[in-house]
Amino acid sequence: MTAVGLQQAAEIPESARLAAVQRDVAAGRPFAQDDFWRLVEQIGSPIIEKAADDAEVLATFVWKDTGGTQSVIVNARVNSVDPISDSRSHLRPLSRTNIWYLSHKFPANAEFLYQLLVNPPETLGGSAGAASQRSARPDPLNRDPYPDKSDLLFDPTQPWRNGSVARMPGVPDNPWLMKNRGVPSGVVHEGSLKSAFLKMANPRTVWVYTSPGAPLRNPNLLIVFDGGTTYQSRIPTTTILDNLYAAKKIEQTVALFVDNGGEARAFDMTFNDAFVTFLANELLSWVQREYTFKAEASRTVIAGDSLGGLIGAYAALRRPDLFGKVLSQSGAFQFNNQNDVDRNEPEWLARQFATAPKASVFFHLDVGLMEDRTEGNSGTTLLASNRHLRDVLNAKGYGVHYVEVYADHDPVHWRRTLPDALMATLGRD
């Protein structure tokens, strides 16, 4: 046995369940391994156990080696670095068993999306990228797949597109996500809008949701970016709106889901004044005309994730007379503005709010504690840039509803925080 193998064999797992299996196997109890796998099939993976600190839990990810396993990696940035190069994200074999495992302490309210990489290539250059993709898969022992197997986006023939949700026991239930019998559904219509300002994906598809029941009378207006993808496919936004409205948590609402335009997304949503003009001069006019109501800035929410959060805040900076509320989830506030004189300095938008006169705009900002990686983020992190913008807005006297959760940059995070975000921005006064 190699030195590494001897070290692994001598290690006592931090997980009490695995330590018990190790003792039983060493004592010659042949059924200990099989009993363990039967238990995992019942309770699912990761295995959750108490930690010394009541605010934390110990989560243990496991893999059953049926032969040929050389490497297994938890593909989630639980240590804020690339998991492939991070040995702390790699499972190890439990000596004299077919069990591979990785234990990690998490906050008791952590929830995040992950995959397992089984026998991935050591490097990702050239053809290795495709091989790495083929090595990715959902955790076969996890009982919370994402997307759900009933979801149209779930494709069992492409397992690398599917993942699993690690949900710790302190995550509160979220009843707003589920369709409820007896709760009326709003109506959704698809439309198309030809623009004089959009350079790409023109005309632009939009979907319009209206609250069920009475005719519109001074409704909220919610403009949501990434329509047709994140907020209509990966997150049940219309179901959330139905449930909140039925529970009298929000007022009557018209929601505009704006298609992200595919390749146009990055172009439109990175400090693009033409896109803001499209929203202000064309989209707002169109929806008010088609649905016969007058939008008020104080009841108009502009919402999105990542770049959608960035352009929403930028639109409110440019046109606070129209967009009085911003709902940002993991807003990409770390970026610089290549069109400005300080184009190499990150967090351009925070500096604009710091120097611009205060306007009557309310902000909901939420961000994940796992969003603290520096690569690709202009030398800062998404988490740090959200905290910085929060501080700037508070110092200027803006109303800010700020939330941090132990989550990453994905719809599992955003669906968790969206109901509270909608209540904060569309709620009854």
Protein backbone atom coordinates (compact mmCIF):
# COMPACT_ATOMS: atom_id res chain seq x y z
CA MET A 1 0.00 0.00 0.00
CA THR A 2 1.25 3.49 -0.80
CA ALA A 3 1.97 6.08 1.87
CA VAL A 4 -1.22 7.86 0.92
CA GLY A 5 -3.15 4.62 1.18
CA LEU A 6 -1.72 3.90 4.63
CA GLN A 7 -2.62 7.40 5.76
CA GLN A 8 -6.18 7.01 4.46
CA ALA A 9 -6.50 3.61 6.10
CA ALA A 10 -5.43 5.04 9.44
CA GLU A 11 -7.77 8.02 9.34
CA ILE A 12 -10.90 7.88 11.46
CA PRO A 13 -13.82 9.50 9.61
CA GLU A 14 -15.34 12.56 11.20
CA SER A 15 -18.76 11.09 10.46
CA ALA A 16 -19.94 8.93 13.36
CA ARG A 17 -21.83 6.66 10.96
CA LEU A 18 -18.78 6.02 8.83
CA ALA A 19 -16.54 5.59 11.85
CA ALA A 20 -18.93 2.89 13.06
CA VAL A 21 -18.74 1.14 9.67
CA GLN A 22 -14.95 1.32 9.84
CA ARG A 23 -14.91 -0.27 13.30
CA ASP A 24 -17.37 -2.98 12.30
CA VAL A 25 -15.42 -3.90 9.16
CA ALA A 26 -12.15 -3.99 11.12
CA ALA A 27 -13.85 -6.26 13.67
CA GLY A 28 -14.81 -8.71 10.93
CA ARG A 29 -18.52 -7.93 10.70
CA PRO A 30 -19.12 -8.65 7.00
CA PHE A 31 -22.59 -7.10 6.75
CA ALA A 32 -21.65 -3.64 8.06
CA GLN A 33 -21.01 -2.26 4.57
CA ASP A 34 -24.28 -3.57 3.13
CA ASP A 35 -26.21 -2.30 6.14
CA PHE A 36 -24.70 1.14 5.58
CA TRP A 37 -25.81 1.28 1.95
CA ARG A 38 -29.33 0.18 2.87
CA LEU A 39 -29.45 3.03 5.38
CA VAL A 40 -28.23 5.57 2.80
CA GLU A 41 -30.91 4.44 0.36
CA GLN A 42 -33.48 5.28 3.04
CA ILE A 43 -32.15 8.62 4.29
CA GLY A 44 -30.39 9.86 1.15
CA SER A 45 -27.12 11.66 0.57
CA PRO A 46 -25.51 13.72 1.91
CA ILE A 47 -25.76 12.13 5.35
CA ILE A 48 -26.49 14.83 7.92
CA GLU A 49 -25.16 14.59 11.48
CA LYS A 50 -24.84 16.98 14.39
CA ALA A 51 -21.72 19.08 14.76
CA ALA A 52 -20.15 20.42 17.94
CA ASP A 53 -21.48 23.88 17.09
CA ASP A 54 -25.30 23.89 17.06
CA ALA A 55 -25.22 26.44 14.23
CA GLU A 56 -23.55 23.86 11.98
CA VAL A 57 -24.12 20.33 10.75
CA LEU A 58 -21.76 17.72 9.37
CA ALA A 59 -22.73 16.66 5.84
CA THR A 60 -21.11 13.55 4.36
CA PHE A 61 -21.30 12.89 0.62
CA VAL A 62 -20.86 9.24 -0.36
CA TRP A 63 -20.26 7.22 -3.52
CA LYS A 64 -20.62 3.47 -3.98
CA ASP A 65 -17.65 2.01 -5.87
CA THR A 66 -18.86 -0.76 -8.15
CA GLY A 67 -15.42 -1.04 -9.71
CA GLY A 68 -13.03 1.32 -11.47
CA THR A 69 -13.47 4.38 -9.26
CA GLN A 70 -10.31 6.46 -9.29
CA SER A 71 -11.60 9.89 -8.28
CA VAL A 72 -14.86 11.45 -7.11
CA ILE A 73 -15.30 15.20 -6.60
CA VAL A 74 -18.18 17.20 -5.13
CA ASN A 75 -18.70 19.77 -7.86
CA ALA A 76 -19.70 22.77 -5.76
CA ARG A 77 -17.53 25.60 -4.52
CA VAL A 78 -17.93 24.76 -0.86
CA ASN A 79 -14.46 26.17 -0.16
CA SER A 80 -14.80 29.14 -2.55
CA VAL A 81 -12.32 27.66 -5.04
CA ASP A 82 -12.46 25.40 -8.08
CA PRO A 83 -13.39 21.95 -6.68
CA ILE A 84 -11.29 20.06 -9.24
CA SER A 85 -8.09 21.64 -7.93
CA ASP A 86 -9.27 21.62 -4.31
CA SER A 87 -8.38 18.39 -2.49
CA ARG A 88 -10.89 19.29 0.22
CA SER A 89 -13.67 18.65 -2.32
CA HIS A 90 -12.40 15.17 -3.25
CA LEU A 91 -13.96 12.03 -1.79
CA ARG A 92 -11.63 9.40 -0.36
CA PRO A 93 -12.09 5.63 0.01
CA LEU A 94 -12.93 4.14 3.39
CA SER A 95 -10.42 1.34 3.85
CA ARG A 96 -11.56 -2.23 3.12
CA THR A 97 -14.97 -1.06 1.84
CA ASN A 98 -16.56 0.14 -1.39
CA ILE A 99 -17.46 3.45 0.28
CA TRP A 100 -16.00 6.76 -0.90
CA TYR A 101 -16.82 9.75 1.27
CA LEU A 102 -16.29 13.44 1.98
CA SER A 103 -17.41 15.16 5.19
CA HIS A 104 -17.80 18.92 5.41
CA LYS A 105 -19.28 21.26 8.01
CA PHE A 106 -21.96 23.64 6.77
CA PRO A 107 -24.24 26.19 8.39
CA ALA A 108 -27.44 24.46 9.46
CA ASN A 109 -29.39 26.61 6.97
CA ALA A 110 -27.18 25.92 3.92
CA GLU A 111 -28.77 24.90 0.62
CA PHE A 112 -26.91 24.56 -2.65
CA LEU A 113 -26.78 22.76 -5.98
CA TYR A 114 -24.05 20.22 -6.64
CA GLN A 115 -22.98 17.38 -8.90
CA LEU A 116 -20.52 14.54 -8.58
CA LEU A 117 -17.57 14.31 -10.96
CA VAL A 118 -16.61 10.66 -11.29
CA ASN A 119 -13.17 9.93 -12.75
CA PRO A 120 -12.78 13.37 -14.33
CA PRO A 121 -9.67 14.16 -16.40
CA GLU A 122 -6.83 15.73 -14.46
CA THR A 123 -6.73 18.74 -16.78
CA LEU A 124 -9.51 20.51 -18.65
CA GLY A 125 -7.66 21.67 -21.75
CA GLY A 126 -8.63 20.55 -25.27
CA SER A 127 -10.78 17.42 -25.48
CA ALA A 128 -10.61 17.01 -21.70
CA GLY A 129 -13.40 19.57 -21.34
CA ALA A 130 -15.89 17.19 -22.99
CA ALA A 131 -14.59 14.32 -20.87
CA SER A 132 -15.07 16.40 -17.75
CA GLN A 133 -18.63 17.13 -18.81
CA ARG A 134 -19.30 13.42 -19.28
CA SER A 135 -17.95 12.74 -15.80
CA ALA A 136 -20.55 15.06 -14.22
CA ARG A 137 -23.80 13.63 -12.91
CA PRO A 138 -26.38 14.09 -10.17
CA ASP A 139 -25.76 12.25 -6.93
CA PRO A 140 -27.58 8.90 -7.43
CA LEU A 141 -28.21 8.64 -3.69
CA ASN A 142 -29.61 12.16 -3.27
CA ARG A 143 -33.39 12.39 -2.89
CA ASP A 144 -33.74 15.98 -4.11
CA PRO A 145 -32.86 16.17 -7.81
CA TYR A 146 -32.68 19.43 -9.70
CA PRO A 147 -34.41 19.92 -11.97
CA ASP A 148 -37.09 17.58 -10.67
CA LYS A 149 -37.63 14.47 -12.76
CA SER A 150 -41.12 15.72 -13.62
CA ASP A 151 -39.64 18.96 -15.01
CA LEU A 152 -39.52 19.34 -18.79
CA LEU A 153 -35.91 20.42 -18.43
CA PHE A 154 -34.88 17.10 -16.88
CA ASP A 155 -33.08 14.93 -19.42
CA PRO A 156 -31.87 11.51 -18.21
CA THR A 157 -29.87 11.06 -21.43
CA GLN A 158 -27.70 14.07 -20.54
CA PRO A 159 -26.90 13.57 -16.85
CA TRP A 160 -24.29 16.34 -16.89
CA ARG A 161 -27.17 18.84 -17.20
CA ASN A 162 -28.79 17.59 -14.00
CA GLY A 163 -27.79 18.11 -10.40
CA SER A 164 -28.77 17.49 -6.81
CA VAL A 165 -29.72 19.81 -3.97
CA ALA A 166 -27.88 19.62 -0.66
CA ARG A 167 -30.38 20.97 1.85
CA MET A 168 -29.41 21.18 5.50
CA PRO A 169 -32.09 20.71 8.19
CA GLY A 170 -32.22 24.39 9.15
CA VAL A 171 -33.54 25.50 5.75
CA PRO A 172 -37.14 26.61 6.31
CA ASP A 173 -39.98 25.13 4.31
CA ASN A 174 -41.00 27.23 1.33
CA PRO A 175 -44.71 26.60 0.71
CA TRP A 176 -44.93 29.45 -1.81
CA LEU A 177 -43.21 27.31 -4.48
CA MET A 178 -45.92 24.67 -4.68
CA LYS A 179 -49.18 24.82 -6.59
CA ASN A 180 -52.01 24.69 -4.08
CA ARG A 181 -55.45 23.33 -4.71
CA GLY A 182 -58.01 26.09 -4.48
CA VAL A 183 -55.57 28.89 -5.32
CA PRO A 184 -56.60 30.52 -8.62
CA SER A 185 -53.97 30.86 -11.32
CA GLY A 186 -53.14 34.08 -13.08
CA VAL A 187 -53.22 34.33 -16.85
CA VAL A 188 -50.08 34.42 -19.00
CA HIS A 189 -50.03 35.75 -22.58
CA GLU A 190 -47.08 35.75 -24.93
CA GLY A 191 -46.31 38.82 -27.00
CA SER A 192 -43.63 40.25 -29.24
CA LEU A 193 -42.28 43.77 -29.27
CA LYS A 194 -40.42 45.38 -32.18
CA SER A 195 -37.92 47.93 -30.95
CA ALA A 196 -36.19 50.93 -32.44
CA PHE A 197 -33.41 50.60 -29.86
CA LEU A 198 -32.52 46.91 -29.54
CA LYS A 199 -29.54 45.85 -31.65
CA MET A 200 -30.02 42.11 -31.16
CA ALA A 201 -32.94 39.69 -30.65
CA ASN A 202 -35.35 42.15 -32.20
CA PRO A 203 -38.32 41.81 -32.01
CA ARG A 204 -38.15 40.70 -28.38
CA THR A 205 -40.50 38.11 -26.89
CA VAL A 206 -42.28 38.98 -23.66
CA TRP A 207 -44.74 37.08 -21.51
CA VAL A 208 -47.34 38.98 -19.49
CA TYR A 209 -48.82 37.58 -16.28
CA THR A 210 -51.81 39.15 -14.55
CA SER A 211 -53.12 38.28 -11.11
CA PRO A 212 -56.31 36.20 -11.13
CA GLY A 213 -59.70 37.65 -10.32
CA ALA A 214 -60.87 41.23 -10.58
CA PRO A 215 -60.05 43.55 -13.50
CA LEU A 216 -56.81 45.47 -13.15
CA ARG A 217 -57.00 48.52 -10.95
CA ASN A 218 -53.78 50.34 -10.05
CA PRO A 219 -51.69 47.14 -10.09
CA ASN A 220 -48.05 46.63 -9.27
CA LEU A 221 -45.83 46.24 -12.31
CA LEU A 222 -43.05 43.66 -12.09
CA ILE A 223 -40.49 43.55 -14.92
CA VAL A 224 -38.45 40.32 -14.79
CA PHE A 225 -35.41 39.60 -16.92
CA ASP A 226 -34.45 36.10 -18.12
CA GLY A 227 -38.07 35.37 -18.95
CA GLY A 228 -38.56 32.06 -20.72
CA THR A 229 -35.56 30.59 -18.90
CA THR A 230 -34.70 31.16 -15.25
CA TYR A 231 -37.85 32.81 -13.96
CA GLN A 232 -40.33 30.76 -15.94
CA SER A 233 -38.60 27.39 -16.29
CA ARG A 234 -36.21 27.01 -13.36
CA ILE A 235 -38.20 29.04 -10.82
CA PRO A 236 -42.02 28.79 -10.53
CA THR A 237 -42.47 32.57 -10.40
CA THR A 238 -46.09 32.66 -11.52
CA THR A 239 -47.00 30.03 -8.91
CA ILE A 240 -45.27 32.13 -6.25
CA LEU A 241 -47.21 35.21 -7.40
CA ASP A 242 -50.50 33.26 -7.32
CA ASN A 243 -49.86 32.00 -3.79
CA LEU A 244 -48.72 35.35 -2.42
CA TYR A 245 -51.70 37.14 -3.94
CA ALA A 246 -54.16 34.54 -2.59
CA ALA A 247 -52.62 34.92 0.87
CA LYS A 248 -52.93 38.72 0.61
CA LYS A 249 -49.16 39.11 0.93
CA ILE A 250 -48.89 41.17 -2.26
CA GLU A 251 -51.13 43.49 -4.25
CA GLN A 252 -52.59 42.82 -7.67
CA THR A 253 -49.70 42.51 -10.10
CA VAL A 254 -48.87 42.61 -13.78
CA ALA A 255 -45.59 40.77 -14.39
CA LEU A 256 -43.60 41.20 -17.59
CA PHE A 257 -41.14 38.38 -18.30
CA VAL A 258 -38.63 39.69 -20.83
CA ASP A 259 -36.77 37.16 -22.95
CA ASN A 260 -33.03 37.42 -22.41
CA GLY A 261 -32.31 37.39 -26.13
CA GLY A 262 -29.74 34.60 -26.02
CA GLU A 263 -26.43 36.14 -27.08
CA ALA A 264 -27.95 39.60 -26.62
CA ARG A 265 -28.10 39.11 -22.84
CA ALA A 266 -24.58 40.24 -21.98
CA PHE A 267 -24.76 43.10 -24.48
CA ASP A 268 -28.13 44.38 -23.25
CA MET A 269 -27.52 44.04 -19.55
CA THR A 270 -24.07 45.57 -19.08
CA PHE A 271 -24.68 49.32 -18.63
CA ASN A 272 -26.54 49.54 -21.95
CA ASP A 273 -28.40 52.84 -22.27
CA ALA A 274 -30.20 51.68 -25.41
CA PHE A 275 -31.67 48.76 -23.47
CA VAL A 276 -32.79 51.12 -20.70
CA THR A 277 -34.44 53.29 -23.35
CA PHE A 278 -36.21 50.22 -24.72
CA LEU A 279 -37.55 49.49 -21.25
CA ALA A 280 -38.57 53.07 -20.52
CA ASN A 281 -39.92 54.25 -23.88
CA GLU A 282 -41.24 51.09 -25.48
CA LEU A 283 -41.89 48.25 -23.02
CA LEU A 284 -43.59 50.39 -20.38
CA SER A 285 -45.74 52.15 -22.95
CA TRP A 286 -46.69 48.89 -24.63
CA VAL A 287 -47.82 47.06 -21.48
CA GLN A 288 -49.81 50.03 -20.18
CA ARG A 289 -51.55 50.40 -23.53
CA GLU A 290 -52.25 46.70 -23.98
CA TYR A 291 -53.52 46.14 -20.43
CA THR A 292 -55.13 49.53 -19.83
CA PHE A 293 -53.51 50.74 -16.62
CA LYS A 294 -51.14 53.47 -15.56
CA ALA A 295 -47.85 52.40 -14.02
CA GLU A 296 -46.54 54.29 -11.01
CA ALA A 297 -42.84 54.37 -10.26
CA SER A 298 -43.44 53.55 -6.60
CA ARG A 299 -45.23 50.36 -7.66
CA THR A 300 -42.89 49.38 -10.51
CA VAL A 301 -40.30 46.72 -9.68
CA ILE A 302 -37.46 45.82 -12.02
CA ALA A 303 -36.05 42.39 -11.22
CA GLY A 304 -33.47 39.85 -12.24
CA ASP A 305 -30.56 37.63 -11.30
CA SER A 306 -26.87 38.26 -11.93
CA LEU A 307 -26.66 40.59 -14.97
CA GLY A 308 -30.44 41.05 -14.63
CA GLY A 309 -29.89 42.50 -11.18
CA LEU A 310 -27.14 44.73 -12.55
CA ILE A 311 -29.22 46.20 -15.38
CA GLY A 312 -32.21 46.59 -13.05
CA ALA A 313 -30.19 48.74 -10.66
CA TYR A 314 -28.66 50.64 -13.57
CA ALA A 315 -32.10 51.34 -15.03
CA ALA A 316 -33.24 52.70 -11.65
CA LEU A 317 -30.14 54.91 -11.55
CA ARG A 318 -30.91 56.31 -14.99
CA ARG A 319 -34.70 56.46 -14.72
CA PRO A 320 -35.80 56.60 -11.08
CA ASP A 321 -38.89 58.45 -12.27
CA LEU A 322 -40.08 55.17 -13.82
CA PHE A 323 -38.43 52.37 -11.88
CA GLY A 324 -38.98 52.91 -8.17
CA LYS A 325 -37.99 49.47 -6.89
CA VAL A 326 -35.16 47.06 -7.69
CA LEU A 327 -35.23 43.33 -6.93
CA SER A 328 -31.75 41.93 -7.41
CA GLN A 329 -30.71 38.33 -6.84
CA SER A 330 -26.95 37.79 -6.95
CA GLY A 331 -26.58 41.08 -8.80
CA ALA A 332 -23.35 41.24 -10.81
CA PHE A 333 -22.25 44.53 -9.25
CA GLN A 334 -18.58 43.57 -9.41
CA PHE A 335 -18.15 44.60 -13.03
CA ASN A 336 -16.46 47.64 -14.43
CA ASN A 337 -17.87 49.78 -17.22
CA GLN A 338 -15.75 49.53 -20.35
CA ASN A 339 -17.39 52.68 -21.72
CA ASP A 340 -16.28 54.90 -18.84
CA VAL A 341 -12.96 56.57 -18.13
CA ASP A 342 -12.25 54.27 -15.17
CA ARG A 343 -13.07 51.18 -17.19
CA ASN A 344 -10.45 49.05 -15.45
CA GLU A 345 -11.79 49.66 -11.95
CA PRO A 346 -14.43 47.21 -10.65
CA GLU A 347 -17.77 48.01 -8.97
CA TRP A 348 -18.52 50.92 -11.27
CA LEU A 349 -22.21 51.07 -10.37
CA ALA A 350 -21.61 51.54 -6.64
CA ARG A 351 -19.54 54.63 -7.41
CA GLN A 352 -22.35 56.06 -9.53
CA PHE A 353 -24.86 55.70 -6.71
CA ALA A 354 -22.34 57.21 -4.28
CA THR A 355 -22.02 60.40 -6.35
CA ALA A 356 -25.50 60.74 -7.87
CA PRO A 357 -28.27 62.61 -6.04
CA LYS A 358 -30.42 60.27 -3.95
CA ALA A 359 -33.63 59.24 -5.67
CA SER A 360 -36.81 57.64 -4.40
CA VAL A 361 -35.87 54.02 -5.10
CA PHE A 362 -36.18 50.96 -2.85
CA PHE A 363 -33.80 48.01 -3.18
CA HIS A 364 -34.03 44.33 -2.37
CA LEU A 365 -30.59 42.71 -2.66
CA ASP A 366 -29.89 39.07 -1.92
CA VAL A 367 -26.65 37.20 -2.42
CA GLY A 368 -25.15 33.80 -1.57
CA LEU A 369 -22.30 33.31 0.84
CA MET A 370 -20.75 30.87 -1.64
CA GLU A 371 -20.48 33.67 -4.21
CA ASP A 372 -17.12 34.85 -2.93
CA ARG A 373 -14.75 33.66 -5.66
CA THR A 374 -12.51 36.16 -7.41
CA GLU A 375 -11.90 34.52 -10.78
CA GLY A 376 -13.80 36.26 -13.58
CA ASN A 377 -15.05 38.97 -11.24
CA SER A 378 -12.81 41.95 -12.03
CA GLY A 379 -10.58 41.30 -9.03
CA THR A 380 -13.34 41.44 -6.44
CA THR A 381 -16.18 39.02 -5.63
CA LEU A 382 -19.87 39.08 -6.24
CA LEU A 383 -20.51 38.79 -2.50
CA ALA A 384 -18.18 41.68 -1.66
CA SER A 385 -19.68 43.88 -4.37
CA ASN A 386 -23.22 43.29 -3.08
CA ARG A 387 -22.12 44.18 0.44
CA HIS A 388 -20.40 47.30 -0.86
CA LEU A 389 -23.46 48.44 -2.82
CA ARG A 390 -25.62 47.81 0.24
CA ASP A 391 -23.34 50.03 2.32
CA VAL A 392 -23.30 52.77 -0.30
CA LEU A 393 -27.09 52.74 -0.60
CA ASN A 394 -27.56 52.78 3.16
CA ALA A 395 -25.13 55.68 3.51
CA LYS A 396 -27.10 57.62 0.88
CA GLY A 397 -30.36 56.99 2.73
CA TYR A 398 -31.99 54.53 0.33
CA GLY A 399 -34.39 51.90 1.62
CA VAL A 400 -32.60 48.55 1.40
CA HIS A 401 -33.85 45.04 2.18
CA TYR A 402 -30.67 42.94 2.23
CA VAL A 403 -30.43 39.16 2.58
CA GLU A 404 -27.50 36.73 2.64
CA VAL A 405 -28.00 32.98 2.52
CA TYR A 406 -25.56 30.08 2.33
CA ALA A 407 -26.10 29.36 -1.34
CA ASP A 408 -24.42 29.81 -4.70
CA HIS A 409 -25.10 31.48 -8.05
CA ASP A 410 -27.96 29.30 -9.25
CA PRO A 411 -31.77 29.01 -9.33
CA VAL A 412 -31.83 26.84 -6.19
CA HIS A 413 -30.69 29.97 -4.34
CA TRP A 414 -32.99 32.35 -6.19
CA ARG A 415 -36.16 30.30 -5.81
CA ARG A 416 -35.49 30.16 -2.07
CA THR A 417 -35.26 33.93 -1.63
CA LEU A 418 -37.70 35.10 -4.32
CA PRO A 419 -40.93 34.86 -2.27
CA ASP A 420 -39.56 37.13 0.46
CA ALA A 421 -38.12 39.45 -2.18
CA LEU A 422 -41.51 39.76 -3.83
CA MET A 423 -43.19 40.45 -0.51
CA ALA A 424 -40.57 43.13 0.22
CA THR A 425 -41.17 44.88 -3.11
CA LEU A 426 -44.80 44.09 -3.99
CA GLY A 427 -46.19 43.72 -0.48
CA ARG A 428 -49.15 45.53 0.93
CA ASP A 429 -48.25 48.82 2.58
